[in-house]
N, C-alpha and C. Protein backbone atom coordinates (compact mmCIF):
# COMPACT_ATOMS: atom_id res chain seq x y z
N MET A 1 1.24 -1.31 -0.81
CA MET A 1 -0.44 -0.30 -0.06
C MET A 1 0.89 1.06 0.14
N GLN A 2 1.64 1.62 0.84
CA GLN A 2 2.96 1.87 0.58
C GLN A 2 3.49 2.71 -0.44
N ALA A 3 3.89 1.74 -1.50
CA ALA A 3 4.81 1.83 -2.47
C ALA A 3 3.71 2.84 -3.68
N VAL A 4 1.86 1.52 -3.83
CA VAL A 4 1.13 2.86 -3.88
C VAL A 4 0.98 4.61 -3.64
N ILE A 5 0.74 4.41 -2.58
CA ILE A 5 0.74 5.55 -2.06
C ILE A 5 2.34 6.34 -2.65
N GLY A 6 3.20 5.56 -2.57
CA GLY A 6 4.60 7.32 -2.71
C GLY A 6 5.05 6.85 -3.84
N THR A 7 4.26 5.80 -5.70
CA THR A 7 3.96 5.97 -6.54
C THR A 7 3.34 6.87 -6.87
N ILE A 8 1.98 6.96 -6.21
CA ILE A 8 1.27 8.24 -6.72
C ILE A 8 1.56 9.66 -6.23
N GLY A 9 2.59 9.56 -5.48
CA GLY A 9 2.76 11.39 -5.32
C GLY A 9 4.36 10.91 -6.37
N MET A 10 4.72 10.20 -6.41
CA MET A 10 6.58 11.30 -7.27
C MET A 10 5.46 11.28 -8.81
N VAL A 11 4.62 10.26 -9.75
CA VAL A 11 3.82 11.26 -10.50
C VAL A 11 3.26 12.18 -10.80
N THR A 12 3.08 11.83 -9.64
CA THR A 12 1.92 13.97 -9.07
C THR A 12 2.93 14.90 -8.74
N ALA A 13 3.90 14.12 -7.84
CA ALA A 13 4.76 15.33 -7.87
C ALA A 13 5.55 16.28 -9.57
N SER A 14 5.46 15.00 -10.72
CA SER A 14 6.68 15.06 -11.72
C SER A 14 5.81 15.75 -12.58
N THR A 15 4.20 15.71 -13.03
CA THR A 15 3.02 16.38 -13.15
C THR A 15 3.50 17.71 -12.88
N VAL A 16 3.38 17.95 -11.42
CA VAL A 16 3.32 19.72 -11.22
C VAL A 16 4.47 20.09 -11.13
N ILE A 17 5.67 19.45 -11.56
CA ILE A 17 7.49 20.18 -11.44
C ILE A 17 6.45 20.48 -13.86
N GLN A 18 6.10 19.15 -14.40
CA GLN A 18 5.58 19.64 -15.27
C GLN A 18 4.67 20.93 -16.34
N SER A 19 3.83 20.49 -14.79
CA SER A 19 3.13 22.06 -15.22
C SER A 19 3.91 22.67 -14.82
N ILE A 20 4.59 23.55 -14.27
CA ILE A 20 5.47 24.75 -13.56
C ILE A 20 6.27 24.86 -14.60
N THR A 21 6.96 23.93 -15.54
CA THR A 21 8.31 24.66 -16.70
C THR A 21 7.16 24.76 -17.34
N SER A 22 6.30 24.06 -17.85
CA SER A 22 5.06 25.16 -18.94
C SER A 22 4.80 26.60 -18.27
N LEU A 23 3.82 26.50 -17.25
CA LEU A 23 3.52 27.67 -17.06
C LEU A 23 4.86 28.83 -17.20
N SER A 24 6.17 28.42 -17.02
CA SER A 24 6.91 29.05 -16.45
C SER A 24 7.47 29.58 -18.23
N SER A 25 7.16 28.94 -19.01
CA SER A 25 7.92 29.39 -20.34
C SER A 25 6.72 29.96 -20.69
N SER A 26 4.72 30.00 -20.43
CA SER A 26 3.90 30.07 -21.05
C SER A 26 4.34 31.85 -20.30
N VAL A 27 4.89 32.70 -19.11
CA VAL A 27 4.98 33.67 -18.71
C VAL A 27 6.20 34.78 -18.90
N TYR A 28 7.26 33.70 -19.92
CA TYR A 28 8.65 34.19 -20.58
C TYR A 28 7.68 34.93 -21.81
N MET A 29 7.14 33.70 -22.25
CA MET A 29 6.69 34.57 -23.44
C MET A 29 5.78 35.70 -23.79
N LEU A 30 5.43 35.34 -22.12
CA LEU A 30 3.79 36.22 -22.53
C LEU A 30 4.35 37.61 -22.00
N MET A 31 5.73 38.13 -21.03
CA MET A 31 6.28 39.28 -21.00
C MET A 31 7.25 39.04 -21.93
N GLY A 32 8.10 38.21 -23.24
CA GLY A 32 8.18 39.32 -23.52
C GLY A 32 7.48 39.64 -25.55
N HIS A 33 6.68 39.10 -25.23
CA HIS A 33 5.49 40.19 -26.63
C HIS A 33 4.86 40.61 -25.86
N ILE A 34 4.30 41.02 -24.31
CA ILE A 34 4.45 42.33 -23.24
C ILE A 34 5.70 43.55 -24.23
N ARG A 35 6.72 43.32 -24.13
CA ARG A 35 7.65 44.05 -23.89
C ARG A 35 7.40 44.82 -25.47
N LEU A 36 7.49 43.57 -26.71
CA LEU A 36 7.41 43.95 -27.90
C LEU A 36 6.37 44.60 -28.66
N THR A 37 4.37 44.86 -27.74
CA THR A 37 3.26 45.26 -27.98
C THR A 37 3.85 46.52 -27.98
N LYS A 38 3.39 47.28 -29.00
CA LYS A 38 3.09 48.77 -29.20
C LYS A 38 1.70 49.26 -28.20
N ASP A 39 1.89 50.05 -27.44
CA ASP A 39 0.56 50.52 -26.87
C ASP A 39 0.68 51.41 -25.75
N ILE A 40 -0.05 52.11 -25.96
CA ILE A 40 -0.43 54.30 -24.87
C ILE A 40 0.34 53.92 -23.77
N HIS A 41 0.22 52.55 -22.75
CA HIS A 41 1.03 52.58 -21.80
C HIS A 41 1.44 52.01 -21.50
N GLN A 42 2.54 51.16 -22.33
CA GLN A 42 3.17 50.79 -22.74
C GLN A 42 4.40 51.33 -21.05
N THR A 43 4.84 51.91 -21.98
CA THR A 43 6.29 51.97 -20.52
C THR A 43 5.43 52.18 -18.81
N GLU A 44 4.75 52.56 -19.01
CA GLU A 44 4.19 52.69 -17.25
C GLU A 44 4.28 51.01 -17.05
N ILE A 45 3.67 50.18 -17.75
CA ILE A 45 3.17 48.64 -17.97
C ILE A 45 4.65 48.17 -17.82
N LEU A 46 5.54 47.89 -18.25
CA LEU A 46 6.82 47.70 -18.72
C LEU A 46 7.55 48.60 -16.80
N LYS A 47 7.53 49.37 -17.09
CA LYS A 47 8.03 49.73 -15.19
C LYS A 47 7.26 48.76 -14.22
N ILE A 48 5.98 48.28 -14.05
CA ILE A 48 5.29 48.07 -13.10
C ILE A 48 5.88 46.90 -13.21
N LEU A 49 5.83 45.78 -14.34
CA LEU A 49 5.33 44.60 -14.82
C LEU A 49 7.94 44.36 -14.06
N THR A 50 8.41 45.18 -14.62
CA THR A 50 9.50 44.98 -14.60
C THR A 50 10.06 44.95 -12.52
N LYS A 51 9.92 46.56 -11.71
CA LYS A 51 9.51 46.72 -10.45
C LYS A 51 9.49 45.19 -9.98
N MET A 52 8.22 44.36 -10.76
CA MET A 52 8.26 43.04 -9.76
C MET A 52 8.99 41.72 -9.99
N ASP A 53 9.45 42.17 -11.01
CA ASP A 53 11.26 41.05 -11.09
C ASP A 53 9.95 39.88 -11.41
N ILE A 54 9.51 39.41 -11.77
CA ILE A 54 7.84 38.81 -12.39
C ILE A 54 9.25 37.07 -13.00
N GLU A 55 10.23 37.85 -14.19
CA GLU A 55 10.67 36.74 -14.47
C GLU A 55 11.96 36.59 -14.19
N ALA A 56 12.75 37.17 -13.18
CA ALA A 56 13.86 36.60 -12.01
C ALA A 56 12.91 35.72 -11.90
N THR A 57 12.15 36.47 -11.37
CA THR A 57 12.06 35.18 -9.50
C THR A 57 11.14 33.43 -10.28
N ILE A 58 10.97 34.34 -11.42
CA ILE A 58 10.12 32.62 -11.63
C ILE A 58 11.08 32.11 -12.59
N ASN A 59 12.20 32.45 -12.50
CA ASN A 59 13.69 31.43 -13.14
C ASN A 59 13.62 30.50 -12.31
N LEU A 60 14.38 31.54 -11.31
CA LEU A 60 14.88 31.16 -10.03
C LEU A 60 14.58 29.68 -9.29
N LEU A 61 13.07 30.34 -9.17
CA LEU A 61 12.36 29.22 -8.62
C LEU A 61 12.10 27.83 -9.30
N HIS A 62 11.60 27.57 -10.81
CA HIS A 62 11.79 26.91 -12.04
C HIS A 62 13.05 25.69 -11.67
N ASN A 63 13.96 26.53 -11.79
CA ASN A 63 15.47 26.74 -11.99
C ASN A 63 16.39 25.36 -10.68
N VAL A 64 15.26 25.84 -9.66
CA VAL A 64 15.50 25.11 -7.78
C VAL A 64 14.31 23.96 -8.07
N ILE A 65 13.63 23.78 -8.23
CA ILE A 65 11.89 22.44 -8.57
C ILE A 65 12.58 21.70 -9.60
N LEU A 66 13.39 22.39 -10.48
CA LEU A 66 14.30 20.85 -11.56
C LEU A 66 15.35 20.45 -10.98
N GLU A 67 15.77 21.12 -9.24
CA GLU A 67 17.04 20.16 -9.59
C GLU A 67 16.90 19.29 -7.89
N ILE A 68 15.04 20.20 -7.49
CA ILE A 68 14.72 19.44 -6.09
C ILE A 68 15.45 17.65 -6.02
N PRO A 69 15.71 16.55 -5.68
CA PRO A 69 16.20 15.65 -4.93
C PRO A 69 14.76 15.05 -6.04
N GLU A 70 14.48 13.88 -6.50
CA GLU A 70 14.03 12.61 -7.28
C GLU A 70 13.14 12.48 -5.95
N TYR A 71 13.74 11.74 -4.37
CA TYR A 71 13.30 10.90 -3.36
C TYR A 71 12.52 12.26 -2.55
N TYR A 72 12.88 13.60 -2.35
CA TYR A 72 12.43 15.02 -1.95
C TYR A 72 10.81 14.45 -2.70
N ASN A 73 10.57 14.27 -4.02
CA ASN A 73 9.22 14.98 -4.75
C ASN A 73 8.23 13.22 -4.22
N SER A 74 8.88 12.31 -3.70
CA SER A 74 7.36 11.16 -2.64
C SER A 74 6.90 11.28 -1.58
N SER A 75 7.08 12.88 -1.24
CA SER A 75 6.37 13.83 0.78
C SER A 75 5.17 14.36 0.04
N LEU A 76 4.73 14.09 1.02
CA LEU A 76 3.09 14.63 0.19
C LEU A 76 2.82 16.10 0.57
N THR A 77 4.32 16.70 1.41
CA THR A 77 4.25 18.27 2.39
C THR A 77 5.21 18.57 1.14
N VAL A 78 6.08 18.20 0.42
CA VAL A 78 6.82 18.55 -0.84
C VAL A 78 6.33 18.95 -2.00
N VAL A 79 5.03 17.80 -2.49
CA VAL A 79 4.20 18.03 -3.86
C VAL A 79 2.99 19.15 -2.74
N THR A 80 2.22 19.27 -1.99
CA THR A 80 1.51 20.62 -1.55
C THR A 80 2.14 21.64 -1.69
N ALA A 81 3.69 21.36 -1.62
CA ALA A 81 4.75 23.16 -1.37
C ALA A 81 4.70 23.74 -3.66
N LEU A 82 4.35 22.63 -4.08
CA LEU A 82 5.32 22.29 -5.81
C LEU A 82 3.06 22.57 -6.09
N LYS A 83 2.12 21.61 -4.88
CA LYS A 83 0.53 22.52 -6.55
C LYS A 83 0.67 24.33 -5.89
N ASN A 84 1.41 24.82 -4.31
CA ASN A 84 0.87 25.85 -4.37
C ASN A 84 1.33 27.65 -5.32
N VAL A 85 2.35 26.88 -5.69
CA VAL A 85 3.71 27.45 -6.66
C VAL A 85 2.59 27.48 -7.87
N GLN A 86 2.52 26.81 -7.81
CA GLN A 86 2.30 26.31 -9.69
C GLN A 86 0.88 26.64 -10.02
N GLU A 87 -0.25 26.88 -8.31
CA GLU A 87 -1.27 27.67 -8.41
C GLU A 87 -1.35 29.21 -8.97
N ILE A 88 -0.19 29.71 -7.78
CA ILE A 88 0.21 31.32 -7.61
C ILE A 88 0.71 31.82 -9.40
N ILE A 89 1.65 30.67 -9.97
CA ILE A 89 2.03 31.52 -11.08
C ILE A 89 1.36 30.81 -12.01
N GLY A 90 -0.17 30.32 -12.56
CA GLY A 90 -0.38 29.65 -12.90
C GLY A 90 -1.14 31.39 -13.19
N GLN A 91 -1.74 31.12 -12.19
CA GLN A 91 -2.79 33.16 -11.61
C GLN A 91 -1.69 34.20 -12.06
N ILE A 92 -0.66 33.87 -11.88
CA ILE A 92 -0.25 35.11 -12.55
C ILE A 92 0.08 35.27 -14.17
N GLU A 93 0.20 33.46 -14.99
CA GLU A 93 -0.42 33.43 -16.08
C GLU A 93 -1.59 34.19 -16.84
N SER A 94 -2.72 33.99 -15.73
CA SER A 94 -3.93 34.46 -16.36
C SER A 94 -4.27 36.32 -16.29
N GLU A 95 -3.46 36.29 -15.31
CA GLU A 95 -3.08 37.93 -15.57
C GLU A 95 -2.78 38.37 -16.87
N LEU A 96 -0.83 37.50 -16.83
CA LEU A 96 -0.66 38.71 -18.01
C LEU A 96 -1.22 38.25 -19.52
N ILE A 97 -1.80 37.04 -19.32
CA ILE A 97 -2.81 36.61 -20.63
C ILE A 97 -3.43 37.38 -20.79
N GLU A 98 -4.63 38.21 -20.22
CA GLU A 98 -5.12 39.05 -19.88
C GLU A 98 -4.71 41.07 -20.42
N ILE A 99 -3.99 40.99 -19.60
CA ILE A 99 -2.45 42.48 -20.00
C ILE A 99 -2.40 42.24 -21.87
N HIS A 100 -2.01 40.53 -22.22
CA HIS A 100 -1.61 40.72 -23.54
C HIS A 100 -3.20 41.30 -24.50
N LYS A 101 -3.64 40.82 -24.10
CA LYS A 101 -4.98 40.91 -24.91
C LYS A 101 -5.28 42.32 -24.46
N LYS A 102 -5.61 43.17 -23.80
CA LYS A 102 -5.86 44.60 -23.29
C LYS A 102 -4.51 44.81 -24.66
N ILE A 103 -3.66 44.81 -24.78
CA ILE A 103 -2.39 45.37 -24.75
C ILE A 103 -2.52 45.26 -26.97
N SER A 104 -3.13 44.23 -26.95
CA SER A 104 -3.16 44.21 -28.55
C SER A 104 -4.63 43.92 -29.15
N TYR A 105 -6.01 44.52 -28.56
CA TYR A 105 -6.39 45.23 -29.08
C TYR A 105 -6.47 47.18 -28.77
N ASN A 106 -6.29 47.53 -28.00
CA ASN A 106 -5.58 48.60 -27.61
C ASN A 106 -4.36 49.43 -29.16
N SER A 107 -3.45 48.18 -29.16
CA SER A 107 -2.88 48.80 -30.84
C SER A 107 -3.12 48.80 -31.60
N GLU A 108 -4.28 47.89 -32.17
CA GLU A 108 -5.46 48.15 -33.53
C GLU A 108 -5.93 49.40 -33.54
N LEU A 109 -6.33 49.94 -32.34
CA LEU A 109 -7.42 50.76 -32.21
C LEU A 109 -6.16 52.00 -33.23
N LYS A 110 -6.80 52.60 -34.13
CA LYS A 110 -6.85 54.07 -34.86
C LYS A 110 -6.94 55.13 -34.03
N ILE A 111 -8.28 55.24 -34.10
CA ILE A 111 -9.13 56.08 -33.76
C ILE A 111 -9.97 56.40 -32.42
N MET A 112 -9.38 57.72 -31.54
CA MET A 112 -9.85 57.85 -30.67
C MET A 112 -9.42 56.93 -29.33
N SER A 113 -7.71 56.31 -29.84
CA SER A 113 -7.75 55.10 -29.36
C SER A 113 -7.15 55.31 -27.32
N ASN A 114 -6.71 56.53 -26.96
CA ASN A 114 -7.01 56.91 -25.32
C ASN A 114 -8.53 57.05 -25.08
N TRP A 115 -9.87 57.28 -25.88
CA TRP A 115 -10.76 56.95 -24.74
C TRP A 115 -11.23 55.75 -25.19
N ARG A 116 -10.89 54.62 -26.33
CA ARG A 116 -10.61 53.16 -26.80
C ARG A 116 -10.50 52.62 -25.65
N SER A 117 -9.89 52.28 -25.41
CA SER A 117 -8.34 51.19 -24.67
C SER A 117 -8.59 51.03 -23.52
N TYR A 118 -8.40 49.88 -23.36
CA TYR A 118 -8.77 48.53 -22.29
C TYR A 118 -7.34 49.54 -20.85
N ASP A 119 -7.83 49.74 -20.41
CA ASP A 119 -6.51 50.05 -19.27
C ASP A 119 -6.21 49.16 -17.59
N CYS A 120 -4.96 48.67 -17.42
CA CYS A 120 -4.51 47.68 -17.08
C CYS A 120 -4.17 47.27 -16.13
N LYS A 121 -4.46 48.92 -15.07
CA LYS A 121 -4.34 48.59 -13.62
C LYS A 121 -4.61 47.37 -13.00
N GLU A 122 -5.90 47.46 -13.14
CA GLU A 122 -5.74 46.46 -12.27
C GLU A 122 -5.22 45.21 -12.02
N ASN A 123 -5.00 44.41 -13.47
CA ASN A 123 -4.91 43.34 -13.50
C ASN A 123 -2.82 44.45 -12.71
N LEU A 124 -2.34 45.24 -13.16
CA LEU A 124 -1.02 44.97 -12.31
C LEU A 124 -1.41 44.58 -11.34
N ASP A 125 -2.16 45.22 -10.91
CA ASP A 125 -2.16 45.60 -8.69
C ASP A 125 -2.32 44.36 -9.11
N SER A 126 -3.18 43.40 -9.37
CA SER A 126 -3.65 41.98 -9.12
C SER A 126 -2.31 40.84 -9.45
N ILE A 127 -1.30 42.09 -9.62
CA ILE A 127 -0.06 40.78 -10.51
C ILE A 127 0.70 40.76 -9.42
N GLU A 128 0.44 42.18 -8.36
CA GLU A 128 1.70 42.83 -7.69
C GLU A 128 1.38 41.85 -6.57
N LEU A 129 -0.09 41.44 -6.14
CA LEU A 129 0.18 40.77 -5.27
C LEU A 129 -0.58 39.48 -5.00
N LYS A 130 -0.31 38.68 -6.52
CA LYS A 130 -0.20 37.43 -6.77
C LYS A 130 1.09 37.11 -6.83
N VAL A 131 2.08 38.33 -6.54
CA VAL A 131 4.26 38.26 -6.91
C VAL A 131 4.15 38.14 -5.58
N SER A 132 4.07 39.01 -4.28
CA SER A 132 3.92 38.59 -3.10
C SER A 132 2.69 37.30 -2.38
N ILE A 133 2.40 36.98 -2.65
CA ILE A 133 1.78 35.23 -2.42
C ILE A 133 2.74 34.61 -2.86
N LEU A 134 3.86 34.64 -4.70
CA LEU A 134 4.73 33.74 -4.76
C LEU A 134 5.69 34.04 -3.90
N ASP A 135 6.46 34.89 -3.53
CA ASP A 135 7.31 34.43 -2.68
C ASP A 135 6.81 34.32 -1.39
N ARG A 136 5.69 34.65 -1.03
CA ARG A 136 5.57 33.34 0.55
C ARG A 136 5.43 31.87 0.20
N ARG A 137 4.90 31.38 -1.09
CA ARG A 137 5.25 30.14 -1.35
C ARG A 137 6.36 29.89 -1.66
N ARG A 138 7.54 30.75 -2.39
CA ARG A 138 8.37 30.15 -2.94
C ARG A 138 9.41 29.73 -1.29
N ASP A 139 9.04 30.31 -0.47
CA ASP A 139 9.46 30.44 0.67
C ASP A 139 9.95 29.67 1.44
N ASN A 140 7.85 29.20 1.75
CA ASN A 140 7.36 27.73 2.10
C ASN A 140 8.17 26.89 1.36
N LEU A 141 8.37 26.71 0.11
CA LEU A 141 8.91 25.25 -0.33
C LEU A 141 10.26 25.34 0.29
N PHE A 142 10.44 26.08 0.03
CA PHE A 142 12.39 26.22 0.14
C PHE A 142 12.45 25.96 2.51
N LYS A 143 11.98 26.34 3.31
CA LYS A 143 11.07 25.60 4.01
C LYS A 143 11.08 24.44 4.67
N VAL A 144 10.40 24.07 3.76
CA VAL A 144 9.52 22.33 3.57
C VAL A 144 11.77 21.95 3.41
N LEU A 145 12.08 22.26 1.39
CA LEU A 145 13.15 21.19 1.78
C LEU A 145 13.58 21.52 1.93
N GLU A 146 14.06 22.24 2.92
CA GLU A 146 15.22 22.78 4.16
C GLU A 146 15.54 21.45 5.41
N VAL A 147 13.70 21.54 5.70
CA VAL A 147 13.61 20.28 6.79
C VAL A 147 13.31 19.13 6.29
N PHE A 148 12.92 18.34 5.19
CA PHE A 148 13.58 17.40 4.91
C PHE A 148 15.32 17.46 4.86
N LYS A 149 15.94 18.45 4.56
CA LYS A 149 17.09 18.25 4.80
C LYS A 149 18.16 17.51 5.58
N ASN A 150 16.89 18.88 6.36
CA ASN A 150 17.78 18.22 8.34
C ASN A 150 17.82 16.58 8.41
N PHE A 151 16.54 16.66 8.24
CA PHE A 151 15.87 15.06 8.42
C PHE A 151 17.24 14.11 7.60
N ASP A 152 17.36 14.22 6.93
CA ASP A 152 18.53 13.50 6.04
C ASP A 152 19.80 13.52 6.61
N LYS A 153 20.43 14.01 7.51
CA LYS A 153 21.29 14.82 8.05
C LYS A 153 21.31 13.46 9.77
N LYS A 154 19.97 13.86 9.99
CA LYS A 154 19.94 13.25 10.83
C LYS A 154 19.04 11.71 11.20
N ASN A 155 18.92 11.73 9.99
CA ASN A 155 19.09 9.77 9.52
C ASN A 155 20.32 9.43 9.08
């Protein structure tokens, strides 16, 4: 029975890690598109996104997750911490998708673009909140990994 539970945990951890990899790639791609798309508010949007340092934060987290020893992945605690990280990165990705859609729409406007364009302030505020949540969840993941590292030293 324990072997089955361990195997399920490993499959789940691998699936979550693959999902985080996919989400991370999507975030990088969206950030690139946002940088390249012309919008009347592009400078402000990029300034706020750069200040949040989303790409570097997610890149570091992604690389650490890829280097987690496989035997930690059978832990329900590690899987839970990984799922929490996956969830918040997915929410950040969703906000970036919305910003990208708004910017794309705004760039197509030719007449009265100041009046008809979408504002991204609400999305940027939401991303800022989600990045702070990501920071806490990253810290939680690192603490969990540290606990397991200490368990290994004692054994």
